[in-house]
């Protein structure tokens, strides 16, 4: 069975985005990107509308931008090739290559994806999707980029989460002050 792995930047106080969805507080560290890449093997990404639109407005153009850093171009190429599943009841279409739009029952669709063929499934951002799937026990692992900032206000990753036990698989710290935490879910109540 395929795993669902959440990959998210998170502030010290538990936010994945600031007020209004602000992510300007993220610290970009290529070493963190490389380490995270080594810890997961996805071929599918799940998105909510807002995160999809943010990614779609940026990443497809980076792949062919000769001025973009090599690591960013590699990431863009990988994202372009991955299957992108977008859950939205308001979008009418998705145009980024290898994207498909679903408006049905989120949990049922993700169960079907997990039972299918392929590598891991990941979620970048998309906090409401993370919360809904956590509630249904459909998240297998969390790969959290703990960023040394306090937001004080914004969108909490575990705002309405069901109690769950996590087992630490790996920790890596970086000179940027970021700590990469990799957990597996062992028990959901």
Protein backbone atom coordinates (compact mmCIF):
# COMPACT_ATOMS: atom_id res chain seq x y z
CA UNK A 1 0.00 0.00 0.00
CA UNK A 2 1.21 3.50 -0.82
CA UNK A 3 2.02 5.91 2.02
CA UNK A 4 0.74 9.46 2.41
CA UNK A 5 3.57 11.70 3.62
CA UNK A 6 2.93 15.27 4.73
CA UNK A 7 5.84 17.59 3.89
CA UNK A 8 5.38 20.97 5.50
CA UNK A 9 7.28 23.95 6.80
CA UNK A 10 6.14 24.73 10.32
CA UNK A 11 7.00 27.56 12.68
CA UNK A 12 8.11 26.91 16.25
CA UNK A 13 4.56 27.78 17.36
CA UNK A 14 2.93 25.27 14.98
CA UNK A 15 1.85 27.39 12.01
CA UNK A 16 2.26 26.25 8.40
CA UNK A 17 1.25 29.70 7.10
CA UNK A 18 1.00 33.16 8.55
CA UNK A 19 -2.03 35.45 8.38
CA UNK A 20 -3.61 35.43 4.93
CA UNK A 21 -1.55 32.40 3.94
CA UNK A 22 1.77 34.29 4.17
CA UNK A 23 4.82 32.04 3.71
CA UNK A 24 7.41 34.81 3.54
CA UNK A 25 8.89 33.52 6.81
CA UNK A 26 10.09 30.27 5.19
CA UNK A 27 13.86 29.91 5.18
CA UNK A 28 14.99 28.34 1.93
CA UNK A 29 17.85 25.96 2.54
CA UNK A 30 18.98 23.71 -0.35
CA UNK A 31 20.49 21.27 2.17
CA UNK A 32 17.06 20.80 3.77
CA UNK A 33 15.52 20.22 0.33
CA UNK A 34 18.15 17.59 -0.44
CA UNK A 35 17.66 15.80 2.90
CA UNK A 36 13.86 15.81 2.56
CA UNK A 37 14.19 14.44 -0.95
CA UNK A 38 16.21 11.52 0.45
CA UNK A 39 13.51 10.77 3.07
CA UNK A 40 10.59 10.33 0.69
CA UNK A 41 9.87 8.95 -2.74
CA UNK A 42 6.60 10.42 -4.04
CA UNK A 43 5.17 10.24 -7.53
CA UNK A 44 1.87 11.92 -6.61
CA UNK A 45 1.10 15.22 -4.86
CA UNK A 46 -2.22 16.10 -3.23
CA UNK A 47 -3.23 19.75 -3.28
CA UNK A 48 -6.07 21.91 -2.09
CA UNK A 49 -7.08 24.78 -4.37
CA UNK A 50 -4.99 27.53 -2.76
CA UNK A 51 -1.73 25.59 -2.59
CA UNK A 52 -2.21 24.23 -6.10
CA UNK A 53 -2.73 27.72 -7.51
CA UNK A 54 0.35 29.00 -5.66
CA UNK A 55 2.51 26.11 -6.96
CA UNK A 56 1.07 26.32 -10.49
CA UNK A 57 1.85 30.03 -10.73
CA UNK A 58 5.52 29.41 -9.88
CA UNK A 59 6.98 25.95 -10.52
CA UNK A 60 6.12 25.20 -14.18
CA UNK A 61 8.13 28.28 -15.25
CA UNK A 62 11.20 27.48 -13.16
CA UNK A 63 12.10 24.31 -15.07
CA UNK A 64 13.14 26.24 -18.19
CA UNK A 65 14.50 29.34 -16.49
CA UNK A 66 18.28 29.39 -17.02
CA UNK A 67 18.62 31.95 -14.21
CA UNK A 68 16.96 29.71 -11.62
CA UNK A 69 19.27 27.75 -9.29
CA UNK A 70 19.99 24.22 -10.47
CA UNK A 71 18.25 22.69 -7.44
CA UNK A 72 15.10 24.70 -8.14
CA UNK A 73 15.11 23.60 -11.79
CA UNK A 74 15.46 19.96 -10.71
CA UNK A 75 12.57 20.37 -8.25
CA UNK A 76 10.45 22.03 -10.94
CA UNK A 77 11.12 19.18 -13.37
CA UNK A 78 10.18 16.61 -10.74
CA UNK A 79 6.97 18.46 -9.88
CA UNK A 80 6.08 18.78 -13.56
CA UNK A 81 6.40 15.00 -14.00
CA UNK A 82 4.50 14.04 -10.84
CA UNK A 83 0.78 13.36 -10.82
CA UNK A 84 -0.92 16.32 -9.17
CA UNK A 85 -4.33 15.61 -7.64
CA UNK A 86 -6.25 18.78 -6.82
CA UNK A 87 -9.23 18.68 -4.48
CA UNK A 88 -11.54 21.62 -5.04
CA UNK A 89 -15.23 22.36 -5.33
CA UNK A 90 -14.60 25.81 -6.82
CA UNK A 91 -12.02 25.24 -9.57
CA UNK A 92 -13.42 24.40 -12.99
CA UNK A 93 -10.17 23.13 -14.51
CA UNK A 94 -6.48 22.55 -13.84
CA UNK A 95 -3.88 23.28 -16.50
CA UNK A 96 -0.51 22.25 -15.09
CA UNK A 97 0.69 19.11 -16.86
CA UNK A 98 -0.19 15.79 -15.18
CA UNK A 99 -2.86 17.45 -13.00
CA UNK A 100 -6.32 16.15 -12.36
CA UNK A 101 -9.20 17.80 -10.54
CA UNK A 102 -11.36 15.91 -8.05
CA UNK A 103 -14.38 17.26 -6.22
CA UNK A 104 -15.66 14.03 -4.64
CA UNK A 105 -15.20 12.69 -1.14
CA UNK A 106 -11.61 13.45 -0.11
CA UNK A 107 -11.17 10.45 2.21
CA UNK A 108 -12.63 7.96 -0.30
CA UNK A 109 -10.46 9.30 -3.12
CA UNK A 110 -7.29 9.14 -1.00
CA UNK A 111 -8.10 5.59 0.16
CA UNK A 112 -8.43 4.62 -3.50
CA UNK A 113 -5.10 6.30 -4.33
CA UNK A 114 -3.35 4.55 -1.42
CA UNK A 115 -4.56 1.17 -2.65
CA UNK A 116 -3.36 1.84 -6.20
CA UNK A 117 0.00 1.29 -7.81
CA UNK A 118 2.85 3.73 -7.45
CA UNK A 119 5.27 5.36 -5.07
CA UNK A 120 4.42 7.52 -2.06
CA UNK A 121 1.86 10.29 -2.11
CA UNK A 122 2.87 13.61 -0.61
CA UNK A 123 1.09 16.75 0.52
CA UNK A 124 2.84 20.15 0.43
CA UNK A 125 1.03 22.79 2.46
CA UNK A 126 -2.72 22.28 1.99
CA UNK A 127 -3.41 22.40 5.73
CA UNK A 128 -7.15 21.77 5.44
CA UNK A 129 -6.46 18.59 3.44
CA UNK A 130 -3.88 17.50 6.02
CA UNK A 131 -6.36 18.05 8.85
CA UNK A 132 -9.15 16.15 7.10
CA UNK A 133 -6.91 13.20 6.20
CA UNK A 134 -5.39 13.09 9.71
CA UNK A 135 -8.92 12.90 11.12
CA UNK A 136 -9.58 9.89 8.86
CA UNK A 137 -6.30 8.17 9.81
CA UNK A 138 -4.97 8.44 6.25
CA UNK A 139 -1.65 10.17 6.98
CA UNK A 140 1.23 7.73 7.40
CA UNK A 141 4.19 10.04 7.95
CA UNK A 142 5.01 13.66 8.70
CA UNK A 143 8.16 15.30 7.38
CA UNK A 144 8.22 18.65 9.16
CA UNK A 145 10.65 21.47 8.42
CA UNK A 146 10.76 23.15 11.82
CA UNK A 147 11.70 26.74 11.06
CA UNK A 148 13.23 28.92 13.79
CA UNK A 149 10.56 31.62 13.77
CA UNK A 150 7.48 32.36 15.85
CA UNK A 151 4.54 33.55 13.75
CA UNK A 152 2.18 34.27 16.62
CA UNK A 153 -0.84 34.18 14.34
CA UNK A 154 -1.82 32.26 11.23
CA UNK A 155 -2.85 28.80 10.13
CA UNK A 156 -2.09 26.00 12.59
CA UNK A 157 -1.17 22.64 11.07
CA UNK A 158 -2.87 20.67 13.84
CA UNK A 159 -5.69 23.09 14.67
CA UNK A 160 -8.43 20.47 14.96
CA UNK A 161 -6.44 17.25 14.82
CA UNK A 162 -7.42 14.00 16.42
CA UNK A 163 -5.00 12.83 19.09
CA UNK A 164 -2.30 10.65 17.56
CA UNK A 165 0.97 9.09 18.62
CA UNK A 166 4.02 9.60 16.45
CA UNK A 167 7.32 7.74 16.40
CA UNK A 168 10.42 9.72 15.47
CA UNK A 169 12.17 8.12 12.49
CA UNK A 170 14.88 10.69 11.93
CA UNK A 171 16.05 14.17 12.91
CA UNK A 172 18.51 16.39 11.07
CA UNK A 173 19.60 19.90 12.00
CA UNK A 174 21.07 22.47 9.63
CA UNK A 175 23.25 25.56 9.91
CA UNK A 176 20.22 27.66 8.85
CA UNK A 177 18.64 26.79 12.21
CA UNK A 178 16.09 24.48 10.60
CA UNK A 179 15.43 21.08 12.13
CA UNK A 180 13.96 18.41 9.87
CA UNK A 181 11.71 16.02 11.79
CA UNK A 182 10.50 12.75 10.25
CA UNK A 183 7.71 10.91 12.07
CA UNK A 184 5.54 7.90 11.41
CA UNK A 185 2.02 7.71 12.81
CA UNK A 186 1.76 4.76 15.21
CA UNK A 187 -1.68 5.23 16.79
CA UNK A 188 -4.75 7.39 16.18
CA UNK A 189 -7.44 7.85 18.81
